[in-house]
C-alpha cells in the first residue's frame, strides 16, 4: 500500500468533514466520516480496501458535487475502477504517460 494514499485519504476525510460541518450537514458528515474511518482501519489491518474506497469517493462526488474539488485527481487515478469515470481523457492520458516514465 502506498503510504501517501493513506495520507491523501486522511486529508480528504478531514477536509470533507470540515466542509460538511460548515454546511451544517451533520448526518452526511457522520456517514462519510464512518466510511473513511473504516477504510483507514482496513488499510492499517492489511485488508482489501480498494472497492470500498472507490465506492466512498464516487459517492462523495455524486452526492456532494460541491465538494468534488476536494478530491485530488491523483487519488481518483490511484483508486481506479469507478473513480476513473471522473477523470477526463486528457488526465487519463497524462497519468498513463507519467506511469510509463516511472
PDB file of N, CA and C in Angstrom:
ATOM      1  N   UNK A   1       0.850  -1.181   0.000  1.00  0.00           N
ATOM      2  CA  UNK A   1       0.000   0.000   0.000  1.00  0.00           C
ATOM      3  C   UNK A   1       0.893   1.241   0.000  1.00  0.00           C
ATOM      4  N   UNK A   2       0.511   2.149  -0.794  1.00  0.00           N
ATOM      5  CA  UNK A   2       1.233   3.407  -0.911  1.00  0.00           C
ATOM      6  C   UNK A   2       0.921   4.281   0.312  1.00  0.00           C
ATOM      7  N   UNK A   3       1.943   4.612   1.142  1.00  0.00           N
ATOM      8  CA  UNK A   3       1.676   5.413   2.340  1.00  0.00           C
ATOM      9  C   UNK A   3       1.067   6.772   2.018  1.00  0.00           C
ATOM     10  N   UNK A   4       1.418   7.341   0.870  1.00  0.00           N
ATOM     11  CA  UNK A   4       0.853   8.642   0.524  1.00  0.00           C
ATOM     12  C   UNK A   4      -0.636   8.533   0.214  1.00  0.00           C
ATOM     13  N   UNK A   5      -1.083   7.361  -0.240  1.00  0.00           N
ATOM     14  CA  UNK A   5      -2.509   7.144  -0.491  1.00  0.00           C
ATOM     15  C   UNK A   5      -3.280   7.238   0.820  1.00  0.00           C
ATOM     16  N   UNK A   6      -2.735   6.637   1.872  1.00  0.00           N
ATOM     17  CA  UNK A   6      -3.390   6.706   3.186  1.00  0.00           C
ATOM     18  C   UNK A   6      -3.451   8.159   3.658  1.00  0.00           C
ATOM     19  N   UNK A   7      -2.354   8.868   3.521  1.00  0.00           N
ATOM     20  CA  UNK A   7      -2.306  10.275   3.918  1.00  0.00           C
ATOM     21  C   UNK A   7      -3.308  11.101   3.114  1.00  0.00           C
ATOM     22  N   UNK A   8      -3.388  10.845   1.831  1.00  0.00           N
ATOM     23  CA  UNK A   8      -4.331  11.562   0.969  1.00  0.00           C
ATOM     24  C   UNK A   8      -5.770  11.300   1.412  1.00  0.00           C
ATOM     25  N   UNK A   9      -6.079  10.050   1.745  1.00  0.00           N
ATOM     26  CA  UNK A   9      -7.431   9.716   2.217  1.00  0.00           C
ATOM     27  C   UNK A   9      -7.734  10.398   3.550  1.00  0.00           C
ATOM     28  N   UNK A  10      -6.743  10.437   4.452  1.00  0.00           N
ATOM     29  CA  UNK A  10      -6.925  11.120   5.734  1.00  0.00           C
ATOM     30  C   UNK A  10      -7.182  12.610   5.532  1.00  0.00           C
ATOM     31  N   UNK A  11      -6.416  13.214   4.656  1.00  0.00           N
ATOM     32  CA  UNK A  11      -6.580  14.639   4.371  1.00  0.00           C
ATOM     33  C   UNK A  11      -7.947  14.915   3.768  1.00  0.00           C
ATOM     34  N   UNK A  12      -8.349  14.075   2.826  1.00  0.00           N
ATOM     35  CA  UNK A  12      -9.667  14.232   2.201  1.00  0.00           C
ATOM     36  C   UNK A  12     -10.765  14.092   3.250  1.00  0.00           C
ATOM     37  N   UNK A  13     -10.653  13.100   4.120  1.00  0.00           N
ATOM     38  CA  UNK A  13     -11.639  12.902   5.184  1.00  0.00           C
ATOM     39  C   UNK A  13     -11.761  14.163   6.037  1.00  0.00           C
ATOM     40  N   UNK A  14     -10.644  14.727   6.413  1.00  0.00           N
ATOM     41  CA  UNK A  14     -10.642  15.919   7.254  1.00  0.00           C
ATOM     42  C   UNK A  14     -11.262  17.120   6.526  1.00  0.00           C
ATOM     43  N   UNK A  15     -10.877  17.321   5.289  1.00  0.00           N
ATOM     44  CA  UNK A  15     -11.407  18.454   4.521  1.00  0.00           C
ATOM     45  C   UNK A  15     -12.903  18.337   4.278  1.00  0.00           C
ATOM     46  N   UNK A  16     -13.360  17.141   3.961  1.00  0.00           N
ATOM     47  CA  UNK A  16     -14.789  16.919   3.731  1.00  0.00           C
ATOM     48  C   UNK A  16     -15.558  17.128   5.033  1.00  0.00           C
ATOM     49  N   UNK A  17     -15.002  16.624   6.120  1.00  0.00           N
ATOM     50  CA  UNK A  17     -15.633  16.789   7.435  1.00  0.00           C
ATOM     51  C   UNK A  17     -15.819  18.269   7.759  1.00  0.00           C
ATOM     52  N   UNK A  18     -14.774  19.053   7.558  1.00  0.00           N
ATOM     53  CA  UNK A  18     -14.845  20.489   7.830  1.00  0.00           C
ATOM     54  C   UNK A  18     -15.880  21.172   6.943  1.00  0.00           C
ATOM     55  N   UNK A  19     -15.900  20.800   5.668  1.00  0.00           N
ATOM     56  CA  UNK A  19     -16.841  21.417   4.730  1.00  0.00           C
ATOM     57  C   UNK A  19     -18.285  21.073   5.088  1.00  0.00           C
ATOM     58  N   UNK A  20     -18.537  19.812   5.430  1.00  0.00           N
ATOM     59  CA  UNK A  20     -19.898  19.409   5.786  1.00  0.00           C
ATOM     60  C   UNK A  20     -20.329  20.032   7.108  1.00  0.00           C
ATOM     61  N   UNK A  21     -19.404  20.145   8.049  1.00  0.00           N
ATOM     62  CA  UNK A  21     -19.718  20.815   9.312  1.00  0.00           C
ATOM     63  C   UNK A  21     -20.094  22.275   9.062  1.00  0.00           C
ATOM     64  N   UNK A  22     -19.357  22.925   8.176  1.00  0.00           N
ATOM     65  CA  UNK A  22     -19.630  24.334   7.853  1.00  0.00           C
ATOM     66  C   UNK A  22     -20.988  24.497   7.175  1.00  0.00           C
ATOM     67  N   UNK A  23     -21.419  23.450   6.449  1.00  0.00           N
ATOM     68  CA  UNK A  23     -22.721  23.495   5.772  1.00  0.00           C
ATOM     69  C   UNK A  23     -23.841  22.984   6.668  1.00  0.00           C
ATOM     70  N   UNK A  24     -23.487  22.629   7.904  1.00  0.00           N
ATOM     71  CA  UNK A  24     -24.447  22.091   8.864  1.00  0.00           C
ATOM     72  C   UNK A  24     -25.112  20.809   8.348  1.00  0.00           C
ATOM     73  N   UNK A  25     -24.291  19.949   7.723  1.00  0.00           N
ATOM     74  CA  UNK A  25     -24.762  18.654   7.217  1.00  0.00           C
ATOM     75  C   UNK A  25     -24.221  17.557   8.119  1.00  0.00           C
ATOM     76  N   UNK A  26     -24.669  17.559   9.368  1.00  0.00           N
ATOM     77  CA  UNK A  26     -24.096  16.638  10.349  1.00  0.00           C
ATOM     78  C   UNK A  26     -24.368  15.176  10.019  1.00  0.00           C
ATOM     79  N   UNK A  27     -25.543  14.859   9.473  1.00  0.00           N
ATOM     80  CA  UNK A  27     -25.846  13.461   9.135  1.00  0.00           C
ATOM     81  C   UNK A  27     -24.904  12.959   8.042  1.00  0.00           C
ATOM     82  N   UNK A  28     -24.720  13.752   6.999  1.00  0.00           N
ATOM     83  CA  UNK A  28     -23.807  13.374   5.920  1.00  0.00           C
ATOM     84  C   UNK A  28     -22.382  13.275   6.448  1.00  0.00           C
ATOM     85  N   UNK A  29     -22.007  14.185   7.327  1.00  0.00           N
ATOM     86  CA  UNK A  29     -20.660  14.186   7.891  1.00  0.00           C
ATOM     87  C   UNK A  29     -20.391  12.901   8.664  1.00  0.00           C
ATOM     88  N   UNK A  30     -21.356  12.452   9.439  1.00  0.00           N
ATOM     89  CA  UNK A  30     -21.191  11.219  10.220  1.00  0.00           C
ATOM     90  C   UNK A  30     -21.037  10.016   9.296  1.00  0.00           C
ATOM     91  N   UNK A  31     -21.868   9.930   8.269  1.00  0.00           N
ATOM     92  CA  UNK A  31     -21.824   8.800   7.335  1.00  0.00           C
ATOM     93  C   UNK A  31     -20.480   8.748   6.622  1.00  0.00           C
ATOM     94  N   UNK A  32     -20.058   9.884   6.089  1.00  0.00           N
ATOM     95  CA  UNK A  32     -18.801   9.924   5.350  1.00  0.00           C
ATOM     96  C   UNK A  32     -17.618   9.667   6.273  1.00  0.00           C
ATOM     97  N   UNK A  33     -17.634  10.242   7.448  1.00  0.00           N
ATOM     98  CA  UNK A  33     -16.559  10.022   8.411  1.00  0.00           C
ATOM     99  C   UNK A  33     -16.451   8.542   8.783  1.00  0.00           C
ATOM    100  N   UNK A  34     -17.586   7.898   9.026  1.00  0.00           N
ATOM    101  CA  UNK A  34     -17.581   6.473   9.370  1.00  0.00           C
ATOM    102  C   UNK A  34     -16.987   5.631   8.245  1.00  0.00           C
ATOM    103  N   UNK A  35     -17.352   5.945   7.007  1.00  0.00           N
ATOM    104  CA  UNK A  35     -16.840   5.176   5.858  1.00  0.00           C
ATOM    105  C   UNK A  35     -15.335   5.354   5.723  1.00  0.00           C
ATOM    106  N   UNK A  36     -14.866   6.600   5.813  1.00  0.00           N
ATOM    107  CA  UNK A  36     -13.435   6.830   5.672  1.00  0.00           C
ATOM    108  C   UNK A  36     -12.662   6.229   6.836  1.00  0.00           C
ATOM    109  N   UNK A  37     -13.209   6.275   8.027  1.00  0.00           N
ATOM    110  CA  UNK A  37     -12.553   5.653   9.188  1.00  0.00           C
ATOM    111  C   UNK A  37     -12.420   4.154   8.969  1.00  0.00           C
ATOM    112  N   UNK A  38     -13.472   3.527   8.449  1.00  0.00           N
ATOM    113  CA  UNK A  38     -13.424   2.093   8.155  1.00  0.00           C
ATOM    114  C   UNK A  38     -12.359   1.791   7.104  1.00  0.00           C
ATOM    115  N   UNK A  39     -12.282   2.594   6.066  1.00  0.00           N
ATOM    116  CA  UNK A  39     -11.277   2.384   5.015  1.00  0.00           C
ATOM    117  C   UNK A  39      -9.873   2.498   5.604  1.00  0.00           C
ATOM    118  N   UNK A  40      -9.640   3.502   6.428  1.00  0.00           N
ATOM    119  CA  UNK A  40      -8.325   3.676   7.035  1.00  0.00           C
ATOM    120  C   UNK A  40      -7.984   2.514   7.967  1.00  0.00           C
ATOM    121  N   UNK A  41      -8.961   1.993   8.687  1.00  0.00           N
ATOM    122  CA  UNK A  41      -8.742   0.816   9.539  1.00  0.00           C
ATOM    123  C   UNK A  41      -8.402  -0.405   8.695  1.00  0.00           C
ATOM    124  N   UNK A  42      -9.098  -0.545   7.569  1.00  0.00           N
ATOM    125  CA  UNK A  42      -8.816  -1.675   6.674  1.00  0.00           C
ATOM    126  C   UNK A  42      -7.391  -1.580   6.131  1.00  0.00           C
ATOM    127  N   UNK A  43      -6.965  -0.374   5.768  1.00  0.00           N
ATOM    128  CA  UNK A  43      -5.594  -0.174   5.295  1.00  0.00           C
ATOM    129  C   UNK A  43      -4.611  -0.580   6.392  1.00  0.00           C
ATOM    130  N   UNK A  44      -4.850  -0.114   7.617  1.00  0.00           N
ATOM    131  CA  UNK A  44      -3.963  -0.423   8.742  1.00  0.00           C
ATOM    132  C   UNK A  44      -3.896  -1.914   9.035  1.00  0.00           C
ATOM    133  N   UNK A  45      -5.005  -2.617   8.799  1.00  0.00           N
ATOM    134  CA  UNK A  45      -5.071  -4.052   9.085  1.00  0.00           C
ATOM    135  C   UNK A  45      -4.644  -4.911   7.902  1.00  0.00           C
ATOM    136  N   UNK A  46      -4.228  -4.263   6.813  1.00  0.00           N
ATOM    137  CA  UNK A  46      -3.796  -5.019   5.636  1.00  0.00           C
ATOM    138  C   UNK A  46      -4.935  -5.674   4.885  1.00  0.00           C
ATOM    139  N   UNK A  47      -6.147  -5.186   5.097  1.00  0.00           N
ATOM    140  CA  UNK A  47      -7.315  -5.752   4.422  1.00  0.00           C
ATOM    141  C   UNK A  47      -7.531  -5.067   3.076  1.00  0.00           C
ATOM    142  N   UNK A  48      -8.271  -5.736   2.214  1.00  0.00           N
ATOM    143  CA  UNK A  48      -8.609  -5.174   0.912  1.00  0.00           C
ATOM    144  C   UNK A  48      -9.580  -4.011   1.111  1.00  0.00           C
ATOM    145  N   UNK A  49      -9.178  -2.844   0.700  1.00  0.00           N
ATOM    146  CA  UNK A  49      -9.960  -1.627   0.918  1.00  0.00           C
ATOM    147  C   UNK A  49     -10.369  -0.936  -0.376  1.00  0.00           C
ATOM    148  N   UNK A  50      -9.767  -1.336  -1.489  1.00  0.00           N
ATOM    149  CA  UNK A  50      -9.882  -0.571  -2.719  1.00  0.00           C
ATOM    150  C   UNK A  50     -11.324  -0.373  -3.186  1.00  0.00           C
ATOM    151  N   UNK A  51     -12.122  -1.444  -3.185  1.00  0.00           N
ATOM    152  CA  UNK A  51     -13.507  -1.308  -3.664  1.00  0.00           C
ATOM    153  C   UNK A  51     -14.315  -0.384  -2.765  1.00  0.00           C
ATOM    154  N   UNK A  52     -14.119  -0.486  -1.468  1.00  0.00           N
ATOM    155  CA  UNK A  52     -14.837   0.391  -0.538  1.00  0.00           C
ATOM    156  C   UNK A  52     -14.385   1.841  -0.718  1.00  0.00           C
ATOM    157  N   UNK A  53     -13.094   2.047  -0.931  1.00  0.00           N
ATOM    158  CA  UNK A  53     -12.582   3.400  -1.149  1.00  0.00           C
ATOM    159  C   UNK A  53     -13.119   3.985  -2.452  1.00  0.00           C
ATOM    160  N   UNK A  54     -13.151   3.168  -3.509  1.00  0.00           N
ATOM    161  CA  UNK A  54     -13.727   3.623  -4.782  1.00  0.00           C
ATOM    162  C   UNK A  54     -15.177   4.049  -4.591  1.00  0.00           C
ATOM    163  N   UNK A  55     -15.919   3.212  -3.892  1.00  0.00           N
ATOM    164  CA  UNK A  55     -17.337   3.485  -3.652  1.00  0.00           C
ATOM    165  C   UNK A  55     -17.524   4.755  -2.828  1.00  0.00           C
ATOM    166  N   UNK A  56     -16.722   4.912  -1.781  1.00  0.00           N
ATOM    167  CA  UNK A  56     -16.845   6.082  -0.907  1.00  0.00           C
ATOM    168  C   UNK A  56     -16.536   7.372  -1.660  1.00  0.00           C
ATOM    169  N   UNK A  57     -15.472   7.367  -2.452  1.00  0.00           N
ATOM    170  CA  UNK A  57     -15.094   8.573  -3.194  1.00  0.00           C
ATOM    171  C   UNK A  57     -16.112   8.856  -4.300  1.00  0.00           C
ATOM    172  N   UNK A  58     -16.541   7.822  -5.002  1.00  0.00           N
ATOM    173  CA  UNK A  58     -17.552   8.010  -6.047  1.00  0.00           C
ATOM    174  C   UNK A  58     -18.854   8.551  -5.468  1.00  0.00           C
ATOM    175  N   UNK A  59     -19.270   8.012  -4.330  1.00  0.00           N
ATOM    176  CA  UNK A  59     -20.492   8.503  -3.683  1.00  0.00           C
ATOM    177  C   UNK A  59     -20.327   9.936  -3.203  1.00  0.00           C
ATOM    178  N   UNK A  60     -19.159  10.251  -2.684  1.00  0.00           N
ATOM    179  CA  UNK A  60     -18.891  11.618  -2.241  1.00  0.00           C
ATOM    180  C   UNK A  60     -19.079  12.588  -3.410  1.00  0.00           C
ATOM    181  N   UNK A  61     -18.514  12.254  -4.551  1.00  0.00           N
ATOM    182  CA  UNK A  61     -18.604  13.135  -5.719  1.00  0.00           C
ATOM    183  C   UNK A  61     -20.035  13.227  -6.241  1.00  0.00           C
ATOM    184  N   UNK A  62     -20.736  12.111  -6.301  1.00  0.00           N
ATOM    185  CA  UNK A  62     -22.095  12.144  -6.855  1.00  0.00           C
ATOM    186  C   UNK A  62     -23.114  12.746  -5.885  1.00  0.00           C
ATOM    187  N   UNK A  63     -22.926  12.527  -4.582  1.00  0.00           N
ATOM    188  CA  UNK A  63     -23.890  13.041  -3.602  1.00  0.00           C
ATOM    189  C   UNK A  63     -23.582  14.479  -3.172  1.00  0.00           C
ATOM    190  N   UNK A  64     -22.323  14.867  -3.289  1.00  0.00           N
ATOM    191  CA  UNK A  64     -21.895  16.207  -2.869  1.00  0.00           C
ATOM    192  C   UNK A  64     -20.988  16.815  -3.944  1.00  0.00           C
ATOM    193  N   UNK A  65     -21.536  17.069  -5.131  1.00  0.00           N
ATOM    194  CA  UNK A  65     -20.696  17.590  -6.222  1.00  0.00           C
ATOM    195  C   UNK A  65     -20.014  18.909  -5.861  1.00  0.00           C
ATOM    196  N   UNK A  66     -20.593  19.648  -4.928  1.00  0.00           N
ATOM    197  CA  UNK A  66     -19.982  20.899  -4.488  1.00  0.00           C
ATOM    198  C   UNK A  66     -18.676  20.669  -3.732  1.00  0.00           C
ATOM    199  N   UNK A  67     -18.408  19.431  -3.332  1.00  0.00           N
ATOM    200  CA  UNK A  67     -17.169  19.101  -2.630  1.00  0.00           C
ATOM    201  C   UNK A  67     -16.175  18.344  -3.517  1.00  0.00           C
ATOM    202  N   UNK A  68     -16.546  18.116  -4.767  1.00  0.00           N
ATOM    203  CA  UNK A  68     -15.689  17.310  -5.646  1.00  0.00           C
ATOM    204  C   UNK A  68     -14.314  17.945  -5.862  1.00  0.00           C
ATOM    205  N   UNK A  69     -14.227  19.264  -5.717  1.00  0.00           N
ATOM    206  CA  UNK A  69     -12.931  19.932  -5.876  1.00  0.00           C
ATOM    207  C   UNK A  69     -11.937  19.531  -4.788  1.00  0.00           C
ATOM    208  N   UNK A  70     -12.415  18.937  -3.703  1.00  0.00           N
ATOM    209  CA  UNK A  70     -11.537  18.497  -2.620  1.00  0.00           C
ATOM    210  C   UNK A  70     -10.843  17.173  -2.943  1.00  0.00           C
ATOM    211  N   UNK A  71     -11.386  16.440  -3.904  1.00  0.00           N
ATOM    212  CA  UNK A  71     -10.841  15.123  -4.244  1.00  0.00           C
ATOM    213  C   UNK A  71      -9.670  15.297  -5.211  1.00  0.00           C
ATOM    214  N   UNK A  72      -8.467  14.935  -4.773  1.00  0.00           N
ATOM    215  CA  UNK A  72      -7.310  15.062  -5.670  1.00  0.00           C
ATOM    216  C   UNK A  72      -7.464  14.161  -6.893  1.00  0.00           C
ATOM    217  N   UNK A  73      -7.098  14.709  -8.032  1.00  0.00           N
ATOM    218  CA  UNK A  73      -7.202  13.953  -9.286  1.00  0.00           C
ATOM    219  C   UNK A  73      -6.332  12.699  -9.223  1.00  0.00           C
ATOM    220  N   UNK A  74      -5.164  12.811  -8.599  1.00  0.00           N
ATOM    221  CA  UNK A  74      -4.282  11.654  -8.477  1.00  0.00           C
ATOM    222  C   UNK A  74      -4.940  10.544  -7.657  1.00  0.00           C
ATOM    223  N   UNK A  75      -5.708  10.892  -6.649  1.00  0.00           N
ATOM    224  CA  UNK A  75      -6.413   9.889  -5.847  1.00  0.00           C
ATOM    225  C   UNK A  75      -7.392   9.105  -6.715  1.00  0.00           C
ATOM    226  N   UNK A  76      -8.100   9.798  -7.590  1.00  0.00           N
ATOM    227  CA  UNK A  76      -9.027   9.118  -8.497  1.00  0.00           C
ATOM    228  C   UNK A  76      -8.275   8.100  -9.351  1.00  0.00           C
ATOM    229  N   UNK A  77      -7.113   8.490  -9.846  1.00  0.00           N
ATOM    230  CA  UNK A  77      -6.289   7.595 -10.659  1.00  0.00           C
ATOM    231  C   UNK A  77      -5.790   6.415  -9.829  1.00  0.00           C
ATOM    232  N   UNK A  78      -5.301   6.682  -8.633  1.00  0.00           N
ATOM    233  CA  UNK A  78      -4.750   5.626  -7.785  1.00  0.00           C
ATOM    234  C   UNK A  78      -5.813   4.605  -7.386  1.00  0.00           C
ATOM    235  N   UNK A  79      -7.028   5.066  -7.113  1.00  0.00           N
ATOM    236  CA  UNK A  79      -8.089   4.132  -6.715  1.00  0.00           C
ATOM    237  C   UNK A  79      -8.619   3.354  -7.908  1.00  0.00           C
ATOM    238  N   UNK A  80      -8.627   3.991  -9.079  1.00  0.00           N
ATOM    239  CA  UNK A  80      -9.076   3.301 -10.291  1.00  0.00           C
ATOM    240  C   UNK A  80     -10.555   2.978 -10.251  1.00  0.00           C
ATOM    241  N   UNK A  81     -10.938   1.950 -10.989  1.00  0.00           N
ATOM    242  CA  UNK A  81     -12.329   1.495 -11.031  1.00  0.00           C
ATOM    243  C   UNK A  81     -13.292   2.615 -11.361  1.00  0.00           C
ATOM    244  N   UNK A  82     -14.347   2.730 -10.571  1.00  0.00           N
ATOM    245  CA  UNK A  82     -15.389   3.728 -10.822  1.00  0.00           C
ATOM    246  C   UNK A  82     -14.874   5.153 -10.710  1.00  0.00           C
ATOM    247  N   UNK A  83     -13.781   5.350 -10.006  1.00  0.00           N
ATOM    248  CA  UNK A  83     -13.229   6.699  -9.843  1.00  0.00           C
ATOM    249  C   UNK A  83     -12.660   7.241 -11.155  1.00  0.00           C
ATOM    250  N   UNK A  84     -12.298   6.355 -12.060  1.00  0.00           N
ATOM    251  CA  UNK A  84     -11.744   6.795 -13.342  1.00  0.00           C
ATOM    252  C   UNK A  84     -12.771   7.543 -14.180  1.00  0.00           C
ATOM    253  N   UNK A  85     -14.049   7.317 -13.919  1.00  0.00           N
ATOM    254  CA  UNK A  85     -15.109   7.998 -14.669  1.00  0.00           C
ATOM    255  C   UNK A  85     -15.082   9.507 -14.459  1.00  0.00           C
ATOM    256  N   UNK A  86     -14.446   9.945 -13.389  1.00  0.00           N
ATOM    257  CA  UNK A  86     -14.416  11.375 -13.062  1.00  0.00           C
ATOM    258  C   UNK A  86     -13.182  12.083 -13.634  1.00  0.00           C
ATOM    259  N   UNK A  87     -12.343  11.342 -14.337  1.00  0.00           N
ATOM    260  CA  UNK A  87     -11.167  11.923 -14.972  1.00  0.00           C
ATOM    261  C   UNK A  87     -11.450  12.155 -16.453  1.00  0.00           C
ATOM    262  N   UNK A  88     -10.904  13.233 -16.978  1.00  0.00           N
ATOM    263  CA  UNK A  88     -11.044  13.491 -18.409  1.00  0.00           C
ATOM    264  C   UNK A  88     -10.098  12.568 -19.176  1.00  0.00           C
ATOM    265  N   UNK A  89     -10.334  12.436 -20.471  1.00  0.00           N
ATOM    266  CA  UNK A  89      -9.440  11.632 -21.314  1.00  0.00           C
ATOM    267  C   UNK A  89      -8.019  12.173 -21.259  1.00  0.00           C
ATOM    268  N   UNK A  90      -7.901  13.492 -21.245  1.00  0.00           N
ATOM    269  CA  UNK A  90      -6.578  14.113 -21.203  1.00  0.00           C
ATOM    270  C   UNK A  90      -5.854  13.780 -19.893  1.00  0.00           C
ATOM    271  N   UNK A  91      -6.593  13.808 -18.788  1.00  0.00           N
ATOM    272  CA  UNK A  91      -5.987  13.472 -17.493  1.00  0.00           C
ATOM    273  C   UNK A  91      -5.537  12.014 -17.480  1.00  0.00           C
ATOM    274  N   UNK A  92      -6.373  11.141 -18.014  1.00  0.00           N
ATOM    275  CA  UNK A  92      -6.013   9.720 -18.038  1.00  0.00           C
ATOM    276  C   UNK A  92      -4.781   9.491 -18.903  1.00  0.00           C
ATOM    277  N   UNK A  93      -4.708  10.163 -20.048  1.00  0.00           N
ATOM    278  CA  UNK A  93      -3.530  10.043 -20.909  1.00  0.00           C
ATOM    279  C   UNK A  93      -2.279  10.524 -20.180  1.00  0.00           C
ATOM    280  N   UNK A  94      -2.403  11.621 -19.440  1.00  0.00           N
ATOM    281  CA  UNK A  94      -1.255  12.162 -18.711  1.00  0.00           C
ATOM    282  C   UNK A  94      -0.805  11.205 -17.606  1.00  0.00           C
ATOM    283  N   UNK A  95      -1.758  10.642 -16.858  1.00  0.00           N
ATOM    284  CA  UNK A  95      -1.391   9.685 -15.806  1.00  0.00           C
ATOM    285  C   UNK A  95      -0.735   8.442 -16.406  1.00  0.00           C
ATOM    286  N   UNK A  96      -1.246   7.974 -17.546  1.00  0.00           N
ATOM    287  CA  UNK A  96      -0.631   6.819 -18.215  1.00  0.00           C
ATOM    288  C   UNK A  96       0.795   7.142 -18.638  1.00  0.00           C
ATOM    289  N   UNK A  97       0.982   8.333 -19.215  1.00  0.00           N
ATOM    290  CA  UNK A  97       2.323   8.749 -19.641  1.00  0.00           C
ATOM    291  C   UNK A  97       3.260   8.852 -18.441  1.00  0.00           C
ATOM    292  N   UNK A  98       2.766   9.416 -17.345  1.00  0.00           N
ATOM    293  CA  UNK A  98       3.581   9.540 -16.135  1.00  0.00           C
ATOM    294  C   UNK A  98       3.979   8.164 -15.595  1.00  0.00           C
ATOM    295  N   UNK A  99       3.040   7.202 -15.632  1.00  0.00           N
ATOM    296  CA  UNK A  99       3.334   5.852 -15.157  1.00  0.00           C
ATOM    297  C   UNK A  99       4.399   5.174 -16.009  1.00  0.00           C
ATOM    298  N   UNK A 100       4.365   5.442 -17.326  1.00  0.00           N
ATOM    299  CA  UNK A 100       5.351   4.835 -18.211  1.00  0.00           C
ATOM    300  C   UNK A 100       6.752   5.379 -17.947  1.00  0.00           C
ATOM    301  N   UNK A 101       6.840   6.619 -17.467  1.00  0.00           N
ATOM    302  CA  UNK A 101       8.142   7.210 -17.165  1.00  0.00           C
ATOM    303  C   UNK A 101       8.767   6.603 -15.911  1.00  0.00           C
ATOM    304  N   UNK A 102       7.928   6.079 -15.009  1.00  0.00           N
ATOM    305  CA  UNK A 102       8.438   5.554 -13.733  1.00  0.00           C
ATOM    306  C   UNK A 102       8.630   4.103 -13.799  1.00  0.00           C
TER     307      UNK A 102
END
